[in-house]
PDB file of N, CA and C in Angstrom:
ATOM      1  N   MET A   1     -13.847  25.690  -5.417  1.00  0.00           N
ATOM      2  CA  MET A   1     -13.929  24.423  -4.714  1.00  0.00           C
ATOM      3  C   MET A   1     -13.861  24.691  -3.216  1.00  0.00           C
ATOM      4  N   THR A   2     -14.700  24.048  -2.470  1.00  0.00           N
ATOM      5  CA  THR A   2     -14.709  24.258  -1.027  1.00  0.00           C
ATOM      6  C   THR A   2     -13.706  23.339  -0.357  1.00  0.00           C
ATOM      7  N   ASN A   3     -13.254  23.746   0.823  1.00  0.00           N
ATOM      8  CA  ASN A   3     -12.363  22.906   1.610  1.00  0.00           C
ATOM      9  C   ASN A   3     -13.191  21.904   2.384  1.00  0.00           C
ATOM     10  N   LEU A   4     -12.914  20.640   2.203  1.00  0.00           N
ATOM     11  CA  LEU A   4     -13.608  19.602   2.948  1.00  0.00           C
ATOM     12  C   LEU A   4     -12.808  19.242   4.179  1.00  0.00           C
ATOM     13  N   GLY A   5     -13.482  18.988   5.267  1.00  0.00           N
ATOM     14  CA  GLY A   5     -12.808  18.479   6.445  1.00  0.00           C
ATOM     15  C   GLY A   5     -12.396  17.039   6.213  1.00  0.00           C
ATOM     16  N   TYR A   6     -11.515  16.562   7.064  1.00  0.00           N
ATOM     17  CA  TYR A   6     -11.011  15.199   6.920  1.00  0.00           C
ATOM     18  C   TYR A   6     -12.144  14.173   6.959  1.00  0.00           C
ATOM     19  N   VAL A   7     -13.090  14.343   7.868  1.00  0.00           N
ATOM     20  CA  VAL A   7     -14.189  13.374   8.001  1.00  0.00           C
ATOM     21  C   VAL A   7     -15.035  13.351   6.729  1.00  0.00           C
ATOM     22  N   GLU A   8     -15.341  14.538   6.203  1.00  0.00           N
ATOM     23  CA  GLU A   8     -16.123  14.600   4.973  1.00  0.00           C
ATOM     24  C   GLU A   8     -15.355  13.977   3.804  1.00  0.00           C
ATOM     25  N   ALA A   9     -14.059  14.239   3.757  1.00  0.00           N
ATOM     26  CA  ALA A   9     -13.235  13.665   2.688  1.00  0.00           C
ATOM     27  C   ALA A   9     -13.199  12.154   2.802  1.00  0.00           C
ATOM     28  N   LEU A  10     -13.067  11.641   4.015  1.00  0.00           N
ATOM     29  CA  LEU A  10     -13.056  10.197   4.217  1.00  0.00           C
ATOM     30  C   LEU A  10     -14.384   9.593   3.797  1.00  0.00           C
ATOM     31  N   ALA A  11     -15.477  10.252   4.133  1.00  0.00           N
ATOM     32  CA  ALA A  11     -16.789   9.742   3.753  1.00  0.00           C
ATOM     33  C   ALA A  11     -16.938   9.676   2.239  1.00  0.00           C
ATOM     34  N   MET A  12     -16.336  10.618   1.540  1.00  0.00           N
ATOM     35  CA  MET A  12     -16.412  10.635   0.087  1.00  0.00           C
ATOM     36  C   MET A  12     -15.439   9.664  -0.552  1.00  0.00           C
ATOM     37  N   SER A  13     -14.418   9.226   0.182  1.00  0.00           N
ATOM     38  CA  SER A  13     -13.327   8.471  -0.424  1.00  0.00           C
ATOM     39  C   SER A  13     -13.751   7.136  -0.986  1.00  0.00           C
ATOM     40  N   ASP A  14     -14.928   6.637  -0.604  1.00  0.00           N
ATOM     41  CA  ASP A  14     -15.320   5.330  -1.106  1.00  0.00           C
ATOM     42  C   ASP A  14     -15.636   5.348  -2.591  1.00  0.00           C
ATOM     43  N   ASN A  15     -16.084   6.492  -3.152  1.00  0.00           N
ATOM     44  CA  ASN A  15     -16.385   6.441  -4.578  1.00  0.00           C
ATOM     45  C   ASN A  15     -16.405   7.779  -5.296  1.00  0.00           C
ATOM     46  N   THR A  16     -16.435   8.892  -4.617  1.00  0.00           N
ATOM     47  CA  THR A  16     -16.627  10.169  -5.293  1.00  0.00           C
ATOM     48  C   THR A  16     -15.457  10.549  -6.192  1.00  0.00           C
ATOM     49  N   ALA A  17     -14.242  10.344  -5.737  1.00  0.00           N
ATOM     50  CA  ALA A  17     -13.086  10.772  -6.511  1.00  0.00           C
ATOM     51  C   ALA A  17     -12.706   9.760  -7.584  1.00  0.00           C
ATOM     52  N   SER A  18     -13.277   8.587  -7.514  1.00  0.00           N
ATOM     53  CA  SER A  18     -12.909   7.520  -8.422  1.00  0.00           C
ATOM     54  C   SER A  18     -14.000   7.296  -9.457  1.00  0.00           C
ATOM     55  N   ASN A  19     -13.630   6.691 -10.558  1.00  0.00           N
ATOM     56  CA  ASN A  19     -14.643   6.280 -11.514  1.00  0.00           C
ATOM     57  C   ASN A  19     -15.043   4.829 -11.257  1.00  0.00           C
ATOM     58  N   ASN A  20     -14.780   4.328 -10.074  1.00  0.00           N
ATOM     59  CA  ASN A  20     -15.145   2.983  -9.656  1.00  0.00           C
ATOM     60  C   ASN A  20     -16.066   3.080  -8.440  1.00  0.00           C
ATOM     61  N   PRO A  21     -17.347   3.352  -8.638  1.00  0.00           N
ATOM     62  CA  PRO A  21     -18.260   3.500  -7.505  1.00  0.00           C
ATOM     63  C   PRO A  21     -18.218   2.275  -6.590  1.00  0.00           C
ATOM     64  N   GLY A  22     -18.289   2.530  -5.289  1.00  0.00           N
ATOM     65  CA  GLY A  22     -18.295   1.453  -4.318  1.00  0.00           C
ATOM     66  C   GLY A  22     -16.920   0.981  -3.904  1.00  0.00           C
ATOM     67  N   LYS A  23     -15.880   1.494  -4.499  1.00  0.00           N
ATOM     68  CA  LYS A  23     -14.513   1.096  -4.150  1.00  0.00           C
ATOM     69  C   LYS A  23     -13.899   2.148  -3.240  1.00  0.00           C
ATOM     70  N   MET A  24     -13.008   1.681  -2.370  1.00  0.00           N
ATOM     71  CA  MET A  24     -12.270   2.573  -1.485  1.00  0.00           C
ATOM     72  C   MET A  24     -10.794   2.456  -1.816  1.00  0.00           C
ATOM     73  N   HIS A  25     -10.065   3.531  -1.601  1.00  0.00           N
ATOM     74  CA  HIS A  25      -8.637   3.549  -1.905  1.00  0.00           C
ATOM     75  C   HIS A  25      -7.836   3.872  -0.652  1.00  0.00           C
ATOM     76  N   PHE A  26      -6.679   3.223  -0.556  1.00  0.00           N
ATOM     77  CA  PHE A  26      -5.795   3.433   0.583  1.00  0.00           C
ATOM     78  C   PHE A  26      -4.363   3.515   0.102  1.00  0.00           C
ATOM     79  N   MET A  27      -3.581   4.329   0.807  1.00  0.00           N
ATOM     80  CA  MET A  27      -2.148   4.374   0.592  1.00  0.00           C
ATOM     81  C   MET A  27      -1.508   3.522   1.683  1.00  0.00           C
ATOM     82  N   LEU A  28      -0.651   2.599   1.289  1.00  0.00           N
ATOM     83  CA  LEU A  28       0.106   1.781   2.227  1.00  0.00           C
ATOM     84  C   LEU A  28       1.538   2.279   2.249  1.00  0.00           C
ATOM     85  N   TRP A  29       2.083   2.448   3.430  1.00  0.00           N
ATOM     86  CA  TRP A  29       3.435   2.953   3.626  1.00  0.00           C
ATOM     87  C   TRP A  29       4.193   1.894   4.407  1.00  0.00           C
ATOM     88  N   SER A  30       5.162   1.247   3.773  1.00  0.00           N
ATOM     89  CA  SER A  30       5.921   0.164   4.408  1.00  0.00           C
ATOM     90  C   SER A  30       7.329   0.638   4.748  1.00  0.00           C
ATOM     91  N   THR A  31       7.725   0.361   5.975  1.00  0.00           N
ATOM     92  CA  THR A  31       9.023   0.798   6.469  1.00  0.00           C
ATOM     93  C   THR A  31       9.943  -0.411   6.629  1.00  0.00           C
ATOM     94  N   PRO A  32      11.129  -0.370   6.006  1.00  0.00           N
ATOM     95  CA  PRO A  32      12.086  -1.474   6.142  1.00  0.00           C
ATOM     96  C   PRO A  32      12.781  -1.417   7.497  1.00  0.00           C
ATOM     97  N   PRO A  33      13.539  -2.467   7.825  1.00  0.00           N
ATOM     98  CA  PRO A  33      14.164  -2.525   9.147  1.00  0.00           C
ATOM     99  C   PRO A  33      15.349  -1.568   9.342  1.00  0.00           C
ATOM    100  N   ARG A  34      15.904  -1.051   8.245  1.00  0.00           N
ATOM    101  CA  ARG A  34      17.055  -0.140   8.355  1.00  0.00           C
ATOM    102  C   ARG A  34      17.155   0.696   7.075  1.00  0.00           C
ATOM    103  N   LEU A  35      17.811   1.847   7.182  1.00  0.00           N
ATOM    104  CA  LEU A  35      17.928   2.761   6.050  1.00  0.00           C
ATOM    105  C   LEU A  35      18.649   2.141   4.859  1.00  0.00           C
ATOM    106  N   THR A  36      19.580   1.244   5.123  1.00  0.00           N
ATOM    107  CA  THR A  36      20.399   0.655   4.056  1.00  0.00           C
ATOM    108  C   THR A  36      19.845  -0.676   3.542  1.00  0.00           C
ATOM    109  N   PHE A  37      18.628  -0.998   3.908  1.00  0.00           N
ATOM    110  CA  PHE A  37      18.051  -2.308   3.600  1.00  0.00           C
ATOM    111  C   PHE A  37      18.163  -2.695   2.117  1.00  0.00           C
ATOM    112  N   HIS A  38      17.845  -1.758   1.224  1.00  0.00           N
ATOM    113  CA  HIS A  38      17.885  -2.077  -0.211  1.00  0.00           C
ATOM    114  C   HIS A  38      19.305  -2.369  -0.705  1.00  0.00           C
ATOM    115  N   GLN A  39      20.312  -1.990   0.066  1.00  0.00           N
ATOM    116  CA  GLN A  39      21.707  -2.206  -0.333  1.00  0.00           C
ATOM    117  C   GLN A  39      22.348  -3.414   0.337  1.00  0.00           C
ATOM    118  N   ASP A  40      21.856  -3.784   1.513  1.00  0.00           N
ATOM    119  CA  ASP A  40      22.572  -4.814   2.277  1.00  0.00           C
ATOM    120  C   ASP A  40      21.674  -5.947   2.796  1.00  0.00           C
ATOM    121  N   MET A  41      20.650  -6.283   2.038  1.00  0.00           N
ATOM    122  CA  MET A  41      19.791  -7.396   2.431  1.00  0.00           C
ATOM    123  C   MET A  41      20.593  -8.688   2.536  1.00  0.00           C
ATOM    124  N   THR A  42      20.251  -9.492   3.524  1.00  0.00           N
ATOM    125  CA  THR A  42      20.813 -10.839   3.596  1.00  0.00           C
ATOM    126  C   THR A  42      20.124 -11.696   2.539  1.00  0.00           C
ATOM    127  N   GLU A  43      20.658 -12.879   2.275  1.00  0.00           N
ATOM    128  CA  GLU A  43      20.015 -13.786   1.313  1.00  0.00           C
ATOM    129  C   GLU A  43      18.601 -14.146   1.777  1.00  0.00           C
ATOM    130  N   GLU A  44      18.439 -14.359   3.078  1.00  0.00           N
ATOM    131  CA  GLU A  44      17.112 -14.685   3.612  1.00  0.00           C
ATOM    132  C   GLU A  44      16.148 -13.515   3.417  1.00  0.00           C
ATOM    133  N   GLU A  45      16.604 -12.304   3.703  1.00  0.00           N
ATOM    134  CA  GLU A  45      15.763 -11.127   3.503  1.00  0.00           C
ATOM    135  C   GLU A  45      15.409 -10.954   2.022  1.00  0.00           C
ATOM    136  N   ARG A  46      16.381 -11.173   1.143  1.00  0.00           N
ATOM    137  CA  ARG A  46      16.130 -11.050  -0.300  1.00  0.00           C
ATOM    138  C   ARG A  46      15.074 -12.064  -0.743  1.00  0.00           C
ATOM    139  N   SER A  47      15.159 -13.282  -0.229  1.00  0.00           N
ATOM    140  CA  SER A  47      14.175 -14.316  -0.553  1.00  0.00           C
ATOM    141  C   SER A  47      12.776 -13.894  -0.100  1.00  0.00           C
ATOM    142  N   ILE A  48      12.684 -13.339   1.089  1.00  0.00           N
ATOM    143  CA  ILE A  48      11.399 -12.872   1.600  1.00  0.00           C
ATOM    144  C   ILE A  48      10.881 -11.715   0.754  1.00  0.00           C
ATOM    145  N   MET A  49      11.764 -10.827   0.341  1.00  0.00           N
ATOM    146  CA  MET A  49      11.340  -9.695  -0.484  1.00  0.00           C
ATOM    147  C   MET A  49      10.838 -10.146  -1.858  1.00  0.00           C
ATOM    148  N   PHE A  50      11.411 -11.215  -2.415  1.00  0.00           N
ATOM    149  CA  PHE A  50      10.879 -11.769  -3.664  1.00  0.00           C
ATOM    150  C   PHE A  50       9.458 -12.282  -3.450  1.00  0.00           C
ATOM    151  N   LYS A  51       9.201 -12.892  -2.291  1.00  0.00           N
ATOM    152  CA  LYS A  51       7.846 -13.352  -1.957  1.00  0.00           C
ATOM    153  C   LYS A  51       6.914 -12.155  -1.769  1.00  0.00           C
ATOM    154  N   HIS A  52       7.416 -11.107  -1.155  1.00  0.00           N
ATOM    155  CA  HIS A  52       6.656  -9.861  -0.969  1.00  0.00           C
ATOM    156  C   HIS A  52       6.252  -9.287  -2.331  1.00  0.00           C
ATOM    157  N   ILE A  53       7.186  -9.235  -3.260  1.00  0.00           N
ATOM    158  CA  ILE A  53       6.907  -8.715  -4.606  1.00  0.00           C
ATOM    159  C   ILE A  53       5.891  -9.611  -5.320  1.00  0.00           C
ATOM    160  N   ALA A  54       6.047 -10.917  -5.198  1.00  0.00           N
ATOM    161  CA  ALA A  54       5.098 -11.851  -5.818  1.00  0.00           C
ATOM    162  C   ALA A  54       3.697 -11.673  -5.228  1.00  0.00           C
ATOM    163  N   TYR A  55       3.631 -11.481  -3.922  1.00  0.00           N
ATOM    164  CA  TYR A  55       2.348 -11.279  -3.242  1.00  0.00           C
ATOM    165  C   TYR A  55       1.630 -10.055  -3.800  1.00  0.00           C
ATOM    166  N   TRP A  56       2.348  -8.918  -3.874  1.00  0.00           N
ATOM    167  CA  TRP A  56       1.704  -7.694  -4.357  1.00  0.00           C
ATOM    168  C   TRP A  56       1.472  -7.718  -5.864  1.00  0.00           C
ATOM    169  N   THR A  57       2.292  -8.460  -6.607  1.00  0.00           N
ATOM    170  CA  THR A  57       2.024  -8.634  -8.041  1.00  0.00           C
ATOM    171  C   THR A  57       0.723  -9.400  -8.235  1.00  0.00           C
ATOM    172  N   ASP A  58       0.499 -10.422  -7.410  1.00  0.00           N
ATOM    173  CA  ASP A  58      -0.762 -11.159  -7.454  1.00  0.00           C
ATOM    174  C   ASP A  58      -1.932 -10.230  -7.134  1.00  0.00           C
ATOM    175  N   LYS A  59      -1.767  -9.376  -6.133  1.00  0.00           N
ATOM    176  CA  LYS A  59      -2.834  -8.424  -5.785  1.00  0.00           C
ATOM    177  C   LYS A  59      -3.055  -7.424  -6.922  1.00  0.00           C
ATOM    178  N   GLN A  60      -1.995  -7.076  -7.627  1.00  0.00           N
ATOM    179  CA  GLN A  60      -2.135  -6.192  -8.776  1.00  0.00           C
ATOM    180  C   GLN A  60      -2.916  -6.897  -9.890  1.00  0.00           C
ATOM    181  N   ASN A  61      -2.606  -8.149 -10.122  1.00  0.00           N
ATOM    182  CA  ASN A  61      -3.324  -8.929 -11.136  1.00  0.00           C
ATOM    183  C   ASN A  61      -4.797  -9.104 -10.791  1.00  0.00           C
ATOM    184  N   GLN A  62      -5.124  -9.065  -9.498  1.00  0.00           N
ATOM    185  CA  GLN A  62      -6.513  -9.156  -9.043  1.00  0.00           C
ATOM    186  C   GLN A  62      -7.224  -7.803  -9.076  1.00  0.00           C
ATOM    187  N   GLY A  63      -6.493  -6.728  -9.402  1.00  0.00           N
ATOM    188  CA  GLY A  63      -7.075  -5.397  -9.452  1.00  0.00           C
ATOM    189  C   GLY A  63      -7.109  -4.692  -8.107  1.00  0.00           C
ATOM    190  N   ILE A  64      -6.425  -5.236  -7.115  1.00  0.00           N
ATOM    191  CA  ILE A  64      -6.398  -4.631  -5.775  1.00  0.00           C
ATOM    192  C   ILE A  64      -5.278  -3.608  -5.669  1.00  0.00           C
ATOM    193  N   ALA A  65      -4.069  -3.993  -5.991  1.00  0.00           N
ATOM    194  CA  ALA A  65      -2.923  -3.074  -5.947  1.00  0.00           C
ATOM    195  C   ALA A  65      -2.866  -2.329  -7.278  1.00  0.00           C
ATOM    196  N   LEU A  66      -3.102  -1.029  -7.236  1.00  0.00           N
ATOM    197  CA  LEU A  66      -3.064  -0.244  -8.465  1.00  0.00           C
ATOM    198  C   LEU A  66      -1.635   0.081  -8.855  1.00  0.00           C
ATOM    199  N   VAL A  67      -0.800   0.326  -7.843  1.00  0.00           N
ATOM    200  CA  VAL A  67       0.625   0.598  -8.052  1.00  0.00           C
ATOM    201  C   VAL A  67       1.337   0.273  -6.749  1.00  0.00           C
ATOM    202  N   PHE A  68       2.562  -0.224  -6.855  1.00  0.00           N
ATOM    203  CA  PHE A  68       3.364  -0.476  -5.653  1.00  0.00           C
ATOM    204  C   PHE A  68       4.832  -0.498  -6.026  1.00  0.00           C
ATOM    205  N   GLY A  69       5.675  -0.224  -5.040  1.00  0.00           N
ATOM    206  CA  GLY A  69       7.106  -0.289  -5.276  1.00  0.00           C
ATOM    207  C   GLY A  69       7.891   0.478  -4.237  1.00  0.00           C
ATOM    208  N   PRO A  70       9.216   0.355  -4.314  1.00  0.00           N
ATOM    209  CA  PRO A  70      10.078   1.049  -3.356  1.00  0.00           C
ATOM    210  C   PRO A  70      10.206   2.531  -3.700  1.00  0.00           C
ATOM    211  N   VAL A  71      10.326   3.325  -2.665  1.00  0.00           N
ATOM    212  CA  VAL A  71      10.610   4.753  -2.810  1.00  0.00           C
ATOM    213  C   VAL A  71      11.989   4.953  -2.202  1.00  0.00           C
ATOM    214  N   ARG A  72      12.938   5.333  -3.013  1.00  0.00           N
ATOM    215  CA  ARG A  72      14.330   5.416  -2.553  1.00  0.00           C
ATOM    216  C   ARG A  72      14.683   6.820  -2.093  1.00  0.00           C
ATOM    217  N   LYS A  73      13.936   7.304  -1.151  1.00  0.00           N
ATOM    218  CA  LYS A  73      14.233   8.589  -0.525  1.00  0.00           C
ATOM    219  C   LYS A  73      15.428   8.357   0.394  1.00  0.00           C
ATOM    220  N   PRO A  74      16.559   9.038   0.183  1.00  0.00           N
ATOM    221  CA  PRO A  74      17.797   8.722   0.902  1.00  0.00           C
ATOM    222  C   PRO A  74      17.667   8.673   2.429  1.00  0.00           C
ATOM    223  N   ASP A  75      16.949   9.616   3.007  1.00  0.00           N
ATOM    224  CA  ASP A  75      16.858   9.643   4.461  1.00  0.00           C
ATOM    225  C   ASP A  75      15.614   8.938   4.999  1.00  0.00           C
ATOM    226  N   ASP A  76      14.803   8.373   4.118  1.00  0.00           N
ATOM    227  CA  ASP A  76      13.573   7.705   4.543  1.00  0.00           C
ATOM    228  C   ASP A  76      13.095   6.718   3.475  1.00  0.00           C
ATOM    229  N   PRO A  77      13.885   5.685   3.161  1.00  0.00           N
ATOM    230  CA  PRO A  77      13.434   4.725   2.162  1.00  0.00           C
ATOM    231  C   PRO A  77      12.210   3.973   2.682  1.00  0.00           C
ATOM    232  N   HIS A  78      11.288   3.680   1.792  1.00  0.00           N
ATOM    233  CA  HIS A  78      10.082   2.964   2.192  1.00  0.00           C
ATOM    234  C   HIS A  78       9.416   2.362   0.961  1.00  0.00           C
ATOM    235  N   GLY A  79       8.437   1.532   1.202  1.00  0.00           N
ATOM    236  CA  GLY A  79       7.606   1.007   0.136  1.00  0.00           C
ATOM    237  C   GLY A  79       6.292   1.766   0.129  1.00  0.00           C
ATOM    238  N   LEU A  80       5.705   1.879  -1.050  1.00  0.00           N
ATOM    239  CA  LEU A  80       4.447   2.599  -1.201  1.00  0.00           C
ATOM    240  C   LEU A  80       3.531   1.780  -2.091  1.00  0.00           C
ATOM    241  N   ALA A  81       2.267   1.713  -1.727  1.00  0.00           N
ATOM    242  CA  ALA A  81       1.271   1.066  -2.569  1.00  0.00           C
ATOM    243  C   ALA A  81      -0.012   1.869  -2.510  1.00  0.00           C
ATOM    244  N   ILE A  82      -0.717   1.885  -3.611  1.00  0.00           N
ATOM    245  CA  ILE A  82      -2.067   2.430  -3.663  1.00  0.00           C
ATOM    246  C   ILE A  82      -2.959   1.237  -3.982  1.00  0.00           C
ATOM    247  N   ILE A  83      -3.926   0.992  -3.097  1.00  0.00           N
ATOM    248  CA  ILE A  83      -4.792  -0.166  -3.294  1.00  0.00           C
ATOM    249  C   ILE A  83      -6.251   0.266  -3.423  1.00  0.00           C
ATOM    250  N   GLU A  84      -7.044  -0.600  -4.049  1.00  0.00           N
ATOM    251  CA  GLU A  84      -8.471  -0.371  -4.239  1.00  0.00           C
ATOM    252  C   GLU A  84      -9.197  -1.586  -3.683  1.00  0.00           C
ATOM    253  N   VAL A  85     -10.096  -1.351  -2.724  1.00  0.00           N
ATOM    254  CA  VAL A  85     -10.799  -2.445  -2.054  1.00  0.00           C
ATOM    255  C   VAL A  85     -12.296  -2.147  -1.971  1.00  0.00           C
ATOM    256  N   GLU A  86     -13.051  -3.182  -1.661  1.00  0.00           N
ATOM    257  CA  GLU A  86     -14.502  -3.042  -1.479  1.00  0.00           C
ATOM    258  C   GLU A  86     -14.829  -2.352  -0.165  1.00  0.00           C
ATOM    259  N   ASN A  87     -14.047  -2.661   0.898  1.00  0.00           N
ATOM    260  CA  ASN A  87     -14.303  -2.047   2.197  1.00  0.00           C
ATOM    261  C   ASN A  87     -13.010  -1.986   3.002  1.00  0.00           C
ATOM    262  N   ALA A  88     -13.013  -1.103   3.970  1.00  0.00           N
ATOM    263  CA  ALA A  88     -11.809  -0.838   4.769  1.00  0.00           C
ATOM    264  C   ALA A  88     -11.359  -2.056   5.573  1.00  0.00           C
ATOM    265  N   ASP A  89     -12.268  -2.963   5.872  1.00  0.00           N
ATOM    266  CA  ASP A  89     -11.919  -4.149   6.656  1.00  0.00           C
ATOM    267  C   ASP A  89     -10.930  -5.067   5.934  1.00  0.00           C
ATOM    268  N   GLN A  90     -10.838  -4.959   4.631  1.00  0.00           N
ATOM    269  CA  GLN A  90      -9.913  -5.793   3.859  1.00  0.00           C
ATOM    270  C   GLN A  90      -8.452  -5.395   4.073  1.00  0.00           C
ATOM    271  N   VAL A  91      -8.208  -4.136   4.378  1.00  0.00           N
ATOM    272  CA  VAL A  91      -6.852  -3.608   4.389  1.00  0.00           C
ATOM    273  C   VAL A  91      -5.964  -4.278   5.444  1.00  0.00           C
ATOM    274  N   PRO A  92      -6.382  -4.388   6.703  1.00  0.00           N
ATOM    275  CA  PRO A  92      -5.512  -5.047   7.683  1.00  0.00           C
ATOM    276  C   PRO A  92      -5.171  -6.494   7.307  1.00  0.00           C
ATOM    277  N   THR A  93      -6.102  -7.190   6.685  1.00  0.00           N
ATOM    278  CA  THR A  93      -5.845  -8.569   6.261  1.00  0.00           C
ATOM    279  C   THR A  93      -4.820  -8.614   5.138  1.00  0.00           C
ATOM    280  N   LEU A  94      -4.956  -7.717   4.157  1.00  0.00           N
ATOM    281  CA  LEU A  94      -3.977  -7.657   3.063  1.00  0.00           C
ATOM    282  C   LEU A  94      -2.574  -7.420   3.617  1.00  0.00           C
ATOM    283  N   ILE A  95      -2.469  -6.532   4.582  1.00  0.00           N
ATOM    284  CA  ILE A  95      -1.168  -6.229   5.177  1.00  0.00           C
ATOM    285  C   ILE A  95      -0.658  -7.423   5.984  1.00  0.00           C
ATOM    286  N   ALA A  96      -1.527  -8.021   6.785  1.00  0.00           N
ATOM    287  CA  ALA A  96      -1.120  -9.137   7.657  1.00  0.00           C
ATOM    288  C   ALA A  96      -0.653 -10.347   6.863  1.00  0.00           C
ATOM    289  N   GLU A  97      -1.128 -10.505   5.621  1.00  0.00           N
ATOM    290  CA  GLU A  97      -0.754 -11.652   4.791  1.00  0.00           C
ATOM    291  C   GLU A  97       0.474 -11.388   3.920  1.00  0.00           C
ATOM    292  N   ASP A  98       1.036 -10.200   3.986  1.00  0.00           N
ATOM    293  CA  ASP A  98       2.237  -9.842   3.230  1.00  0.00           C
ATOM    294  C   ASP A  98       3.428 -10.601   3.823  1.00  0.00           C
ATOM    295  N   PRO A  99       4.149 -11.378   3.007  1.00  0.00           N
ATOM    296  CA  PRO A  99       5.287 -12.148   3.527  1.00  0.00           C
ATOM    297  C   PRO A  99       6.334 -11.318   4.257  1.00  0.00           C
ATOM    298  N   ALA A 100       6.564 -10.079   3.837  1.00  0.00           N
ATOM    299  CA  ALA A 100       7.554  -9.228   4.513  1.00  0.00           C
ATOM    300  C   ALA A 100       7.061  -8.790   5.890  1.00  0.00           C
ATOM    301  N   VAL A 101       5.764  -8.609   6.032  1.00  0.00           N
ATOM    302  CA  VAL A 101       5.189  -8.263   7.329  1.00  0.00           C
ATOM    303  C   VAL A 101       5.211  -9.491   8.240  1.00  0.00           C
ATOM    304  N   ILE A 102       4.820 -10.633   7.689  1.00  0.00           N
ATOM    305  CA  ILE A 102       4.831 -11.888   8.459  1.00  0.00           C
ATOM    306  C   ILE A 102       6.235 -12.161   9.007  1.00  0.00           C
ATOM    307  N   ALA A 103       7.251 -11.940   8.172  1.00  0.00           N
ATOM    308  CA  ALA A 103       8.635 -12.210   8.569  1.00  0.00           C
ATOM    309  C   ALA A 103       9.212 -11.134   9.488  1.00  0.00           C
ATOM    310  N   GLY A 104       8.491 -10.047   9.686  1.00  0.00           N
ATOM    311  CA  GLY A 104       8.983  -8.975  10.542  1.00  0.00           C
ATOM    312  C   GLY A 104       9.993  -8.070   9.877  1.00  0.00           C
ATOM    313  N   ILE A 105      10.108  -8.140   8.560  1.00  0.00           N
ATOM    314  CA  ILE A 105      11.055  -7.299   7.820  1.00  0.00           C
ATOM    315  C   ILE A 105      10.493  -5.900   7.593  1.00  0.00           C
ATOM    316  N   MET A 106       9.180  -5.802   7.451  1.00  0.00           N
ATOM    317  CA  MET A 106       8.550  -4.505   7.204  1.00  0.00           C
ATOM    318  C   MET A 106       7.392  -4.303   8.156  1.00  0.00           C
ATOM    319  N   THR A 107       7.166  -3.049   8.480  1.00  0.00           N
ATOM    320  CA  THR A 107       5.939  -2.646   9.138  1.00  0.00           C
ATOM    321  C   THR A 107       5.176  -1.781   8.143  1.00  0.00           C
ATOM    322  N   THR A 108       3.865  -1.896   8.146  1.00  0.00           N
ATOM    323  CA  THR A 108       3.067  -1.166   7.164  1.00  0.00           C
ATOM    324  C   THR A 108       1.932  -0.414   7.840  1.00  0.00           C
ATOM    325  N   GLU A 109       1.846   0.855   7.505  1.00  0.00           N
ATOM    326  CA  GLU A 109       0.748   1.715   7.928  1.00  0.00           C
ATOM    327  C   GLU A 109      -0.147   1.935   6.715  1.00  0.00           C
ATOM    328  N   PHE A 110      -1.411   2.298   6.970  1.00  0.00           N
ATOM    329  CA  PHE A 110      -2.288   2.610   5.848  1.00  0.00           C
ATOM    330  C   PHE A 110      -3.174   3.802   6.177  1.00  0.00           C
ATOM    331  N   TYR A 111      -3.531   4.522   5.114  1.00  0.00           N
ATOM    332  CA  TYR A 111      -4.320   5.732   5.254  1.00  0.00           C
ATOM    333  C   TYR A 111      -5.337   5.789   4.119  1.00  0.00           C
ATOM    334  N   PRO A 112      -6.560   6.245   4.406  1.00  0.00           N
ATOM    335  CA  PRO A 112      -7.546   6.394   3.331  1.00  0.00           C
ATOM    336  C   PRO A 112      -7.086   7.456   2.347  1.00  0.00           C
ATOM    337  N   MET A 113      -7.506   7.284   1.106  1.00  0.00           N
ATOM    338  CA  MET A 113      -7.076   8.181   0.045  1.00  0.00           C
ATOM    339  C   MET A 113      -8.240   8.479  -0.882  1.00  0.00           C
ATOM    340  N   MET A 114      -8.361   9.717  -1.281  1.00  0.00           N
ATOM    341  CA  MET A 114      -9.340  10.082  -2.305  1.00  0.00           C
ATOM    342  C   MET A 114      -8.636   9.995  -3.652  1.00  0.00           C
ATOM    343  N   ALA A 115      -8.600   8.818  -4.213  1.00  0.00           N
ATOM    344  CA  ALA A 115      -7.857   8.593  -5.456  1.00  0.00           C
ATOM    345  C   ALA A 115      -8.616   9.131  -6.653  1.00  0.00           C
ATOM    346  N   VAL A 116      -7.906   9.788  -7.530  1.00  0.00           N
ATOM    347  CA  VAL A 116      -8.446  10.215  -8.814  1.00  0.00           C
ATOM    348  C   VAL A 116      -7.764   9.342  -9.859  1.00  0.00           C
ATOM    349  N   LEU A 117      -8.528   8.498 -10.494  1.00  0.00           N
ATOM    350  CA  LEU A 117      -7.996   7.512 -11.422  1.00  0.00           C
ATOM    351  C   LEU A 117      -8.239   7.940 -12.866  1.00  0.00           C
ATOM    352  N   PRO A 118      -7.405   7.452 -13.790  1.00  0.00           N
ATOM    353  CA  PRO A 118      -7.658   7.752 -15.197  1.00  0.00           C
ATOM    354  C   PRO A 118      -8.964   7.107 -15.644  1.00  0.00           C
ATOM    355  N   LYS A 119      -9.584   7.703 -16.607  1.00  0.00           N
ATOM    356  CA  LYS A 119     -10.866   7.167 -17.131  1.00  0.00           C
ATOM    357  C   LYS A 119     -10.617   6.027 -18.078  1.00  0.00           C
TER     358      LYS A 119
END
């Protein structure tokens, strides 16, 4: 197997690694406001996080979010999602409409991914 450069890999990421031609995959990395967030959320923060979970569950039901959830890495807790979209322009909108992002509880970065999915 040859080593692909990042640009070539990104160009292929829309459909080569997936069995869903025409789809693109992205990893979303969400950062909470503090390391202890999962342990000491306020009631208001907990309410917003329930809305955040409902939002991404809806996206999962639509076939957009393939997997999502918290990663409890002790020194770097964060949320992680793998999403499948028609085009890269959808990603900033999906993030901007997340209730936790709207409320300022989380910041989310995203990166293209060459996802290999089960058949």
